[in-house]
Amino acid sequence: MTRNFARLGVAAGLVLGAAACQTTEDLKTISAGRTGCTPDQLTISNQHAAAGGETWNATCSGKVYLCSGVLQANQPTFTDFSCAPVAK
């Protein structure tokens, strides 16, 4: 019985994690308005998905921003997102 619950938990985590993952092009578009750069000027790196959302770095003209997006249940895209300059 315990193994079945463990398997269910792993499967649910994989599904939720996959739902959180956006494409690089999506992240560039989302980051553009928060960084002041156009999507073509941005480079996306350090993309990490979690059950409730995702984090990534957006780089433009030598400036690095830490961005995050939050997912709510049954939503295919972020419901809230933000970017802030990374302190050096």
C-alpha atoms as a PDB file:
ATOM      1  CA  MET A   1       0.000   0.000   0.000  1.00  0.00           C
ATOM      2  CA  THR A   2       2.808   2.431   0.892  1.00  0.00           C
ATOM      3  CA  ARG A   3       4.543   1.750  -2.421  1.00  0.00           C
ATOM      4  CA  ASN A   4       1.393   2.663  -4.335  1.00  0.00           C
ATOM      5  CA  PHE A   5       1.197   6.019  -2.542  1.00  0.00           C
ATOM      6  CA  ALA A   6       4.880   6.652  -3.240  1.00  0.00           C
ATOM      7  CA  ARG A   7       4.416   5.869  -6.930  1.00  0.00           C
ATOM      8  CA  LEU A   8       1.370   8.128  -7.090  1.00  0.00           C
ATOM      9  CA  GLY A   9       3.354  10.947  -5.460  1.00  0.00           C
ATOM     10  CA  VAL A  10       6.212  10.597  -7.937  1.00  0.00           C
ATOM     11  CA  ALA A  11       3.820  10.520 -10.900  1.00  0.00           C
ATOM     12  CA  ALA A  12       1.942  13.597  -9.650  1.00  0.00           C
ATOM     13  CA  GLY A  13       5.230  15.449  -9.146  1.00  0.00           C
ATOM     14  CA  LEU A  14       6.350  14.650 -12.682  1.00  0.00           C
ATOM     15  CA  VAL A  15       3.065  15.868 -14.152  1.00  0.00           C
ATOM     16  CA  LEU A  16       3.103  19.086 -12.144  1.00  0.00           C
ATOM     17  CA  GLY A  17       6.758  19.707 -12.922  1.00  0.00           C
ATOM     18  CA  ALA A  18       6.179  19.218 -16.637  1.00  0.00           C
ATOM     19  CA  ALA A  19       3.223  21.603 -16.595  1.00  0.00           C
ATOM     20  CA  ALA A  20       5.404  24.340 -15.103  1.00  0.00           C
ATOM     21  CA  CYS A  21       8.044  24.225 -17.823  1.00  0.00           C
ATOM     22  CA  GLN A  22       7.702  27.040 -20.383  1.00  0.00           C
ATOM     23  CA  THR A  23       9.640  27.291 -23.636  1.00  0.00           C
ATOM     24  CA  THR A  24      12.661  29.591 -23.922  1.00  0.00           C
ATOM     25  CA  GLU A  25      10.709  31.799 -26.320  1.00  0.00           C
ATOM     26  CA  ASP A  26       7.836  32.069 -23.803  1.00  0.00           C
ATOM     27  CA  LEU A  27      10.298  33.063 -21.070  1.00  0.00           C
ATOM     28  CA  LYS A  28      11.875  35.710 -23.312  1.00  0.00           C
ATOM     29  CA  THR A  29       8.462  37.242 -23.992  1.00  0.00           C
ATOM     30  CA  ILE A  30       7.470  37.121 -20.316  1.00  0.00           C
ATOM     31  CA  SER A  31      10.810  38.650 -19.238  1.00  0.00           C
ATOM     32  CA  ALA A  32      10.828  41.432 -21.837  1.00  0.00           C
ATOM     33  CA  GLY A  33       8.358  43.700 -20.079  1.00  0.00           C
ATOM     34  CA  ARG A  34      10.051  43.217 -16.713  1.00  0.00           C
ATOM     35  CA  THR A  35      13.620  43.855 -17.918  1.00  0.00           C
ATOM     36  CA  GLY A  36      13.141  46.624 -20.468  1.00  0.00           C
ATOM     37  CA  CYS A  37      14.712  44.480 -23.197  1.00  0.00           C
ATOM     38  CA  THR A  38      13.087  43.008 -26.279  1.00  0.00           C
ATOM     39  CA  PRO A  39      12.777  39.219 -26.515  1.00  0.00           C
ATOM     40  CA  ASP A  40      15.482  39.203 -29.227  1.00  0.00           C
ATOM     41  CA  GLN A  41      17.933  40.886 -26.822  1.00  0.00           C
ATOM     42  CA  LEU A  42      17.402  38.345 -24.012  1.00  0.00           C
ATOM     43  CA  THR A  43      19.259  35.148 -23.220  1.00  0.00           C
ATOM     44  CA  ILE A  44      17.543  32.665 -20.889  1.00  0.00           C
ATOM     45  CA  SER A  45      19.566  30.420 -18.559  1.00  0.00           C
ATOM     46  CA  ASN A  46      19.323  28.500 -15.269  1.00  0.00           C
ATOM     47  CA  GLN A  47      15.741  27.434 -15.905  1.00  0.00           C
ATOM     48  CA  HIS A  48      14.374  25.409 -12.963  1.00  0.00           C
ATOM     49  CA  ALA A  49      10.825  24.031 -12.801  1.00  0.00           C
ATOM     50  CA  ALA A  50       9.047  23.118  -9.577  1.00  0.00           C
ATOM     51  CA  ALA A  51       5.539  21.928  -8.768  1.00  0.00           C
ATOM     52  CA  GLY A  52       4.224  25.463  -8.205  1.00  0.00           C
ATOM     53  CA  GLY A  53       6.156  27.385 -10.834  1.00  0.00           C
ATOM     54  CA  GLU A  54       9.524  28.115 -12.356  1.00  0.00           C
ATOM     55  CA  THR A  55      12.620  30.318 -11.987  1.00  0.00           C
ATOM     56  CA  TRP A  56      15.131  31.443 -14.622  1.00  0.00           C
ATOM     57  CA  ASN A  57      17.748  34.079 -15.390  1.00  0.00           C
ATOM     58  CA  ALA A  58      17.213  36.577 -18.190  1.00  0.00           C
ATOM     59  CA  THR A  59      20.344  38.376 -19.415  1.00  0.00           C
ATOM     60  CA  CYS A  60      20.395  41.518 -21.556  1.00  0.00           C
ATOM     61  CA  SER A  61      23.246  43.947 -22.265  1.00  0.00           C
ATOM     62  CA  GLY A  62      25.346  42.420 -19.488  1.00  0.00           C
ATOM     63  CA  LYS A  63      22.603  42.766 -16.872  1.00  0.00           C
ATOM     64  CA  VAL A  64      21.264  39.585 -15.241  1.00  0.00           C
ATOM     65  CA  TYR A  65      17.719  39.338 -13.873  1.00  0.00           C
ATOM     66  CA  LEU A  66      16.257  36.626 -11.665  1.00  0.00           C
ATOM     67  CA  CYS A  67      12.746  35.875 -12.865  1.00  0.00           C
ATOM     68  CA  SER A  68      10.015  33.650 -11.471  1.00  0.00           C
ATOM     69  CA  GLY A  69       6.601  32.493 -12.575  1.00  0.00           C
ATOM     70  CA  VAL A  70       3.811  30.984 -10.503  1.00  0.00           C
ATOM     71  CA  LEU A  71       1.276  28.454 -11.728  1.00  0.00           C
ATOM     72  CA  GLN A  72      -2.141  27.852 -10.242  1.00  0.00           C
ATOM     73  CA  ALA A  73      -3.999  24.567 -10.545  1.00  0.00           C
ATOM     74  CA  ASN A  74      -5.400  23.816 -14.007  1.00  0.00           C
ATOM     75  CA  GLN A  75      -3.608  26.779 -15.637  1.00  0.00           C
ATOM     76  CA  PRO A  76      -1.269  25.993 -18.573  1.00  0.00           C
ATOM     77  CA  THR A  77       0.672  29.278 -18.285  1.00  0.00           C
ATOM     78  CA  PHE A  78       1.925  31.517 -15.490  1.00  0.00           C
ATOM     79  CA  THR A  79      -0.700  33.434 -13.537  1.00  0.00           C
ATOM     80  CA  ASP A  80       1.910  35.735 -11.951  1.00  0.00           C
ATOM     81  CA  PHE A  81       5.546  36.458 -12.770  1.00  0.00           C
ATOM     82  CA  SER A  82       8.284  38.956 -11.970  1.00  0.00           C
ATOM     83  CA  CYS A  83      11.949  39.767 -12.637  1.00  0.00           C
ATOM     84  CA  ALA A  84      14.479  41.624 -10.481  1.00  0.00           C
ATOM     85  CA  PRO A  85      18.115  42.585 -11.111  1.00  0.00           C
ATOM     86  CA  VAL A  86      20.608  40.162  -9.597  1.00  0.00           C
ATOM     87  CA  ALA A  87      22.885  41.949  -7.134  1.00  0.00           C
ATOM     88  CA  LYS A  88      26.593  41.612  -7.901  1.00  0.00           C
END
